[in-house]
Amino acid sequence: MFQTVKVINATRQTVLLKEARVADRFGSRLKGLLGTNALPSGQGLLLVPCRSVHTCGMRFPIDVGFVDPQGRLCRLIHRMPPCRFSPVIKEAAYVLEAPAGTFAQTGTMEGDAVTLEPPLLR
């Protein structure tokens, strides 16, 4: 069974994802969103630990947010298309994958603070 969390942009006081599935094991990180046809609004994936992602084999674009250990968004990729590789973001502790357009719709910017409810079980 997967842990799920709510992802909040604490800087802007907005909900980024109502429900994000936590992928914190090798197999769940490897599979990621592969095999899904779409990512419904308000849903996403949190990859822990993670410093880079790819969208090879995916059928739709996604927003990708890299979060540092202090909970700050250190890099955003808007509408990352299928069959692409992100850069390696050395300062990232985990990555958020959200429906394309989520960051633009919520005004989310690099440097914003992100909180998880409940906090990750580690």
N, C-alpha and C. Protein backbone atom coordinates (compact mmCIF):
# COMPACT_ATOMS: atom_id res chain seq x y z
N MET A 1 0.84 -1.19 0.00
CA MET A 1 0.00 0.00 0.00
C MET A 1 0.88 1.25 0.00
N PHE A 2 0.52 2.21 -0.80
CA PHE A 2 1.29 3.44 -0.91
C PHE A 2 0.85 4.46 0.12
N GLN A 3 1.82 5.19 0.64
CA GLN A 3 1.51 6.36 1.45
C GLN A 3 1.12 7.49 0.49
N THR A 4 0.16 8.30 0.86
CA THR A 4 -0.18 9.48 0.08
C THR A 4 -0.08 10.71 0.98
N VAL A 5 0.24 11.82 0.36
CA VAL A 5 0.37 13.09 1.09
C VAL A 5 -0.33 14.20 0.31
N LYS A 6 -0.70 15.23 1.01
CA LYS A 6 -1.18 16.47 0.40
C LYS A 6 0.04 17.38 0.29
N VAL A 7 0.22 18.02 -0.87
CA VAL A 7 1.36 18.90 -1.10
C VAL A 7 0.87 20.34 -1.14
N ILE A 8 1.42 21.16 -0.25
CA ILE A 8 0.99 22.54 -0.10
C ILE A 8 2.15 23.49 -0.41
N ASN A 9 1.87 24.51 -1.19
CA ASN A 9 2.83 25.59 -1.39
C ASN A 9 2.60 26.54 -0.21
N ALA A 10 3.46 26.44 0.80
CA ALA A 10 3.29 27.23 2.02
C ALA A 10 3.53 28.71 1.77
N THR A 11 4.37 29.04 0.80
CA THR A 11 4.66 30.44 0.48
C THR A 11 3.42 31.13 -0.06
N ARG A 12 2.69 30.47 -0.93
CA ARG A 12 1.53 31.07 -1.60
C ARG A 12 0.20 30.65 -0.97
N GLN A 13 0.27 29.75 0.04
CA GLN A 13 -0.93 29.25 0.70
C GLN A 13 -1.90 28.62 -0.29
N THR A 14 -1.37 27.76 -1.17
CA THR A 14 -2.19 27.05 -2.14
C THR A 14 -1.89 25.55 -2.08
N VAL A 15 -2.86 24.77 -2.44
CA VAL A 15 -2.68 23.32 -2.52
C VAL A 15 -2.17 23.00 -3.92
N LEU A 16 -1.00 22.38 -3.99
CA LEU A 16 -0.45 21.95 -5.28
C LEU A 16 -1.07 20.62 -5.70
N LEU A 17 -1.10 19.68 -4.76
CA LEU A 17 -1.65 18.35 -5.03
C LEU A 17 -2.50 17.91 -3.84
N LYS A 18 -3.74 17.56 -4.10
CA LYS A 18 -4.61 17.06 -3.03
C LYS A 18 -4.16 15.68 -2.58
N GLU A 19 -3.61 14.93 -3.53
CA GLU A 19 -3.16 13.57 -3.21
C GLU A 19 -1.97 13.20 -4.08
N ALA A 20 -0.83 13.03 -3.44
CA ALA A 20 0.38 12.60 -4.14
C ALA A 20 0.80 11.25 -3.58
N ARG A 21 0.96 10.30 -4.48
CA ARG A 21 1.44 8.98 -4.08
C ARG A 21 2.94 9.08 -3.84
N VAL A 22 3.41 8.51 -2.73
CA VAL A 22 4.83 8.54 -2.38
C VAL A 22 5.52 7.30 -2.95
N ALA A 23 6.52 7.54 -3.79
CA ALA A 23 7.33 6.46 -4.35
C ALA A 23 8.70 6.54 -3.66
N ASP A 24 8.88 5.72 -2.64
CA ASP A 24 10.10 5.79 -1.84
C ASP A 24 10.89 4.49 -1.82
N ARG A 25 10.56 3.60 -2.74
CA ARG A 25 11.31 2.35 -2.90
C ARG A 25 11.79 2.28 -4.34
N PHE A 26 12.84 1.51 -4.56
CA PHE A 26 13.43 1.43 -5.90
C PHE A 26 12.38 1.10 -6.96
N GLY A 27 11.58 0.07 -6.73
CA GLY A 27 10.59 -0.36 -7.71
C GLY A 27 9.53 0.69 -8.00
N SER A 28 9.04 1.35 -6.97
CA SER A 28 8.00 2.36 -7.18
C SER A 28 8.57 3.62 -7.84
N ARG A 29 9.82 3.95 -7.54
CA ARG A 29 10.46 5.09 -8.23
C ARG A 29 10.73 4.75 -9.68
N LEU A 30 11.16 3.52 -9.95
CA LEU A 30 11.46 3.08 -11.31
C LEU A 30 10.20 3.12 -12.17
N LYS A 31 9.07 2.64 -11.64
CA LYS A 31 7.82 2.62 -12.39
C LYS A 31 7.25 4.03 -12.54
N GLY A 32 7.29 4.81 -11.48
CA GLY A 32 6.79 6.18 -11.53
C GLY A 32 5.39 6.26 -12.11
N LEU A 33 5.22 7.08 -13.13
CA LEU A 33 3.92 7.25 -13.79
C LEU A 33 3.79 6.42 -15.06
N LEU A 34 4.78 5.59 -15.34
CA LEU A 34 4.71 4.75 -16.54
C LEU A 34 3.47 3.87 -16.49
N GLY A 35 2.81 3.76 -17.62
CA GLY A 35 1.61 2.94 -17.70
C GLY A 35 0.33 3.70 -17.43
N THR A 36 0.44 4.95 -17.01
CA THR A 36 -0.76 5.75 -16.81
C THR A 36 -1.06 6.55 -18.08
N ASN A 37 -2.33 6.75 -18.36
CA ASN A 37 -2.74 7.48 -19.56
C ASN A 37 -2.90 8.97 -19.32
N ALA A 38 -3.05 9.36 -18.06
CA ALA A 38 -3.23 10.76 -17.71
C ALA A 38 -2.98 10.92 -16.22
N LEU A 39 -2.77 12.15 -15.81
CA LEU A 39 -2.62 12.47 -14.41
C LEU A 39 -3.76 13.41 -14.05
N PRO A 40 -4.75 12.91 -13.31
CA PRO A 40 -5.91 13.75 -12.99
C PRO A 40 -5.53 14.99 -12.19
N SER A 41 -6.27 16.05 -12.36
CA SER A 41 -6.05 17.29 -11.63
C SER A 41 -6.03 17.00 -10.13
N GLY A 42 -5.05 17.58 -9.44
CA GLY A 42 -4.95 17.41 -8.00
C GLY A 42 -4.21 16.17 -7.56
N GLN A 43 -3.82 15.32 -8.49
CA GLN A 43 -3.09 14.10 -8.14
C GLN A 43 -1.68 14.17 -8.69
N GLY A 44 -0.77 13.43 -8.07
CA GLY A 44 0.61 13.45 -8.53
C GLY A 44 1.44 12.37 -7.89
N LEU A 45 2.73 12.53 -8.03
CA LEU A 45 3.70 11.55 -7.53
C LEU A 45 4.83 12.30 -6.85
N LEU A 46 5.29 11.76 -5.72
CA LEU A 46 6.41 12.31 -4.99
C LEU A 46 7.49 11.23 -4.98
N LEU A 47 8.65 11.50 -5.59
CA LEU A 47 9.74 10.54 -5.70
C LEU A 47 10.81 10.87 -4.66
N VAL A 48 11.05 9.92 -3.73
CA VAL A 48 11.97 10.14 -2.62
C VAL A 48 12.95 8.97 -2.50
N PRO A 49 14.24 9.17 -2.47
CA PRO A 49 14.96 10.38 -2.86
C PRO A 49 15.01 10.46 -4.38
N CYS A 50 15.29 11.63 -4.90
CA CYS A 50 15.33 11.79 -6.35
C CYS A 50 16.01 13.10 -6.71
N ARG A 51 16.84 13.05 -7.75
CA ARG A 51 17.54 14.26 -8.23
C ARG A 51 17.37 14.48 -9.72
N SER A 52 16.76 13.53 -10.43
CA SER A 52 16.49 13.69 -11.86
C SER A 52 15.36 12.74 -12.25
N VAL A 53 14.67 13.08 -13.32
CA VAL A 53 13.57 12.25 -13.81
C VAL A 53 13.64 12.17 -15.33
N HIS A 54 12.85 11.26 -15.86
CA HIS A 54 12.69 11.17 -17.31
C HIS A 54 11.22 10.93 -17.60
N THR A 55 10.83 11.22 -18.84
CA THR A 55 9.45 10.99 -19.24
C THR A 55 9.40 10.02 -20.43
N CYS A 56 10.42 9.20 -20.54
CA CYS A 56 10.44 8.18 -21.60
C CYS A 56 9.31 7.18 -21.34
N GLY A 57 8.55 6.88 -22.37
CA GLY A 57 7.44 5.95 -22.24
C GLY A 57 6.15 6.57 -21.74
N MET A 58 6.20 7.86 -21.41
CA MET A 58 4.97 8.52 -20.95
C MET A 58 4.20 9.05 -22.16
N ARG A 59 2.92 9.31 -21.94
CA ARG A 59 2.03 9.73 -23.03
C ARG A 59 1.54 11.16 -22.89
N PHE A 60 2.01 11.86 -21.87
CA PHE A 60 1.50 13.20 -21.61
C PHE A 60 2.57 14.02 -20.89
N PRO A 61 2.52 15.36 -21.01
CA PRO A 61 3.49 16.21 -20.31
C PRO A 61 3.13 16.34 -18.83
N ILE A 62 4.13 16.69 -18.03
CA ILE A 62 3.93 16.88 -16.59
C ILE A 62 4.72 18.10 -16.13
N ASP A 63 4.30 18.66 -15.00
CA ASP A 63 5.11 19.65 -14.30
C ASP A 63 6.01 18.89 -13.33
N VAL A 64 7.26 19.31 -13.21
CA VAL A 64 8.23 18.65 -12.35
C VAL A 64 8.84 19.69 -11.42
N GLY A 65 8.80 19.42 -10.12
CA GLY A 65 9.38 20.32 -9.14
C GLY A 65 10.41 19.60 -8.29
N PHE A 66 11.61 20.14 -8.23
CA PHE A 66 12.69 19.58 -7.42
C PHE A 66 12.73 20.32 -6.10
N VAL A 67 12.72 19.57 -5.00
CA VAL A 67 12.62 20.16 -3.66
C VAL A 67 13.89 19.83 -2.88
N ASP A 68 14.49 20.85 -2.27
CA ASP A 68 15.72 20.64 -1.50
C ASP A 68 15.40 20.13 -0.09
N PRO A 69 16.42 19.75 0.68
CA PRO A 69 16.16 19.19 2.02
C PRO A 69 15.45 20.15 2.98
N GLN A 70 15.50 21.46 2.71
CA GLN A 70 14.80 22.44 3.55
C GLN A 70 13.36 22.66 3.11
N GLY A 71 12.92 21.95 2.07
CA GLY A 71 11.54 22.07 1.61
C GLY A 71 11.31 23.22 0.65
N ARG A 72 12.34 23.71 0.00
CA ARG A 72 12.21 24.80 -0.98
C ARG A 72 12.30 24.23 -2.40
N LEU A 73 11.47 24.75 -3.26
CA LEU A 73 11.53 24.36 -4.67
C LEU A 73 12.78 24.98 -5.28
N CYS A 74 13.72 24.12 -5.67
CA CYS A 74 14.99 24.63 -6.18
C CYS A 74 15.03 24.63 -7.71
N ARG A 75 14.12 23.92 -8.36
CA ARG A 75 14.04 23.94 -9.83
C ARG A 75 12.65 23.51 -10.24
N LEU A 76 12.07 24.19 -11.21
CA LEU A 76 10.78 23.82 -11.78
C LEU A 76 10.95 23.57 -13.27
N ILE A 77 10.26 22.55 -13.76
CA ILE A 77 10.17 22.32 -15.19
C ILE A 77 8.68 22.31 -15.51
N HIS A 78 8.25 23.28 -16.29
CA HIS A 78 6.85 23.39 -16.67
C HIS A 78 6.59 22.55 -17.92
N ARG A 79 5.53 21.77 -17.86
CA ARG A 79 5.06 21.00 -19.03
C ARG A 79 6.17 20.19 -19.71
N MET A 80 6.90 19.40 -18.90
CA MET A 80 7.96 18.56 -19.46
C MET A 80 7.32 17.52 -20.38
N PRO A 81 7.69 17.54 -21.68
CA PRO A 81 7.05 16.64 -22.64
C PRO A 81 7.53 15.20 -22.51
N PRO A 82 6.80 14.25 -23.10
CA PRO A 82 7.25 12.86 -23.11
C PRO A 82 8.61 12.73 -23.80
N CYS A 83 9.32 11.67 -23.43
CA CYS A 83 10.61 11.29 -24.04
C CYS A 83 11.70 12.32 -23.79
N ARG A 84 11.75 12.88 -22.58
CA ARG A 84 12.78 13.84 -22.22
C ARG A 84 13.46 13.42 -20.91
N PHE A 85 14.66 13.95 -20.69
CA PHE A 85 15.41 13.74 -19.46
C PHE A 85 15.62 15.09 -18.79
N SER A 86 15.38 15.16 -17.49
CA SER A 86 15.66 16.39 -16.76
C SER A 86 17.16 16.45 -16.47
N PRO A 87 17.65 17.65 -16.15
CA PRO A 87 19.02 17.70 -15.64
C PRO A 87 19.07 17.07 -14.25
N VAL A 88 20.26 16.74 -13.80
CA VAL A 88 20.46 16.28 -12.42
C VAL A 88 20.55 17.53 -11.55
N ILE A 89 19.68 17.59 -10.56
CA ILE A 89 19.64 18.74 -9.64
C ILE A 89 20.26 18.27 -8.32
N LYS A 90 21.53 18.56 -8.15
CA LYS A 90 22.29 18.02 -7.02
C LYS A 90 21.71 18.40 -5.66
N GLU A 91 21.11 19.61 -5.56
CA GLU A 91 20.59 20.03 -4.27
C GLU A 91 19.22 19.44 -3.93
N ALA A 92 18.61 18.70 -4.86
CA ALA A 92 17.26 18.15 -4.65
C ALA A 92 17.29 16.95 -3.70
N ALA A 93 16.28 16.89 -2.85
CA ALA A 93 16.07 15.74 -1.98
C ALA A 93 14.96 14.85 -2.52
N TYR A 94 13.96 15.48 -3.11
CA TYR A 94 12.86 14.73 -3.72
C TYR A 94 12.25 15.54 -4.85
N VAL A 95 11.39 14.86 -5.61
CA VAL A 95 10.78 15.47 -6.80
C VAL A 95 9.27 15.30 -6.75
N LEU A 96 8.57 16.37 -7.15
CA LEU A 96 7.12 16.33 -7.32
C LEU A 96 6.81 16.22 -8.80
N GLU A 97 5.94 15.31 -9.18
CA GLU A 97 5.42 15.24 -10.54
C GLU A 97 3.94 15.55 -10.46
N ALA A 98 3.53 16.57 -11.21
CA ALA A 98 2.16 17.09 -11.13
C ALA A 98 1.58 17.21 -12.54
N PRO A 99 0.26 17.31 -12.64
CA PRO A 99 -0.34 17.54 -13.96
C PRO A 99 0.22 18.80 -14.61
N ALA A 100 0.44 18.75 -15.91
CA ALA A 100 0.95 19.91 -16.64
C ALA A 100 0.06 21.12 -16.38
N GLY A 101 0.69 22.25 -16.07
CA GLY A 101 -0.04 23.48 -15.81
C GLY A 101 -0.28 23.76 -14.33
N THR A 102 0.00 22.80 -13.46
CA THR A 102 -0.25 22.97 -12.02
C THR A 102 0.53 24.16 -11.46
N PHE A 103 1.81 24.27 -11.79
CA PHE A 103 2.63 25.34 -11.23
C PHE A 103 2.17 26.71 -11.73
N ALA A 104 1.84 26.80 -13.00
CA ALA A 104 1.35 28.07 -13.55
C ALA A 104 0.01 28.46 -12.92
N GLN A 105 -0.88 27.50 -12.77
CA GLN A 105 -2.22 27.78 -12.22
C GLN A 105 -2.16 28.23 -10.76
N THR A 106 -1.16 27.75 -10.02
CA THR A 106 -1.06 28.08 -8.59
C THR A 106 -0.06 29.21 -8.31
N GLY A 107 0.59 29.72 -9.36
CA GLY A 107 1.58 30.78 -9.17
C GLY A 107 2.85 30.31 -8.51
N THR A 108 3.10 29.02 -8.53
CA THR A 108 4.27 28.44 -7.88
C THR A 108 5.55 28.85 -8.60
N MET A 109 6.57 29.22 -7.79
CA MET A 109 7.84 29.69 -8.33
C MET A 109 9.00 29.02 -7.60
N GLU A 110 10.15 29.01 -8.26
CA GLU A 110 11.36 28.53 -7.58
C GLU A 110 11.59 29.36 -6.33
N GLY A 111 12.00 28.70 -5.25
CA GLY A 111 12.20 29.36 -3.97
C GLY A 111 11.02 29.24 -3.03
N ASP A 112 9.85 28.87 -3.55
CA ASP A 112 8.68 28.69 -2.69
C ASP A 112 8.90 27.51 -1.74
N ALA A 113 8.32 27.61 -0.55
CA ALA A 113 8.39 26.53 0.43
C ALA A 113 7.24 25.55 0.22
N VAL A 114 7.55 24.27 0.34
CA VAL A 114 6.56 23.21 0.17
C VAL A 114 6.44 22.45 1.48
N THR A 115 5.21 22.14 1.88
CA THR A 115 4.99 21.30 3.04
C THR A 115 4.14 20.10 2.63
N LEU A 116 4.31 19.02 3.37
CA LEU A 116 3.59 17.78 3.11
C LEU A 116 2.73 17.45 4.31
N GLU A 117 1.49 17.06 4.06
CA GLU A 117 0.58 16.65 5.13
C GLU A 117 0.03 15.26 4.83
N PRO A 118 0.30 14.29 5.68
CA PRO A 118 1.20 14.35 6.82
C PRO A 118 2.65 14.36 6.34
N PRO A 119 3.59 14.73 7.24
CA PRO A 119 5.01 14.68 6.86
C PRO A 119 5.38 13.24 6.48
N LEU A 120 6.42 13.11 5.66
CA LEU A 120 6.84 11.78 5.23
C LEU A 120 7.25 10.93 6.41
N LEU A 121 6.87 9.66 6.37
CA LEU A 121 7.30 8.70 7.38
C LEU A 121 8.70 8.23 6.97
N ARG A 122 9.68 8.44 7.80
CA ARG A 122 11.04 8.04 7.42
C ARG A 122 11.67 7.28 8.53
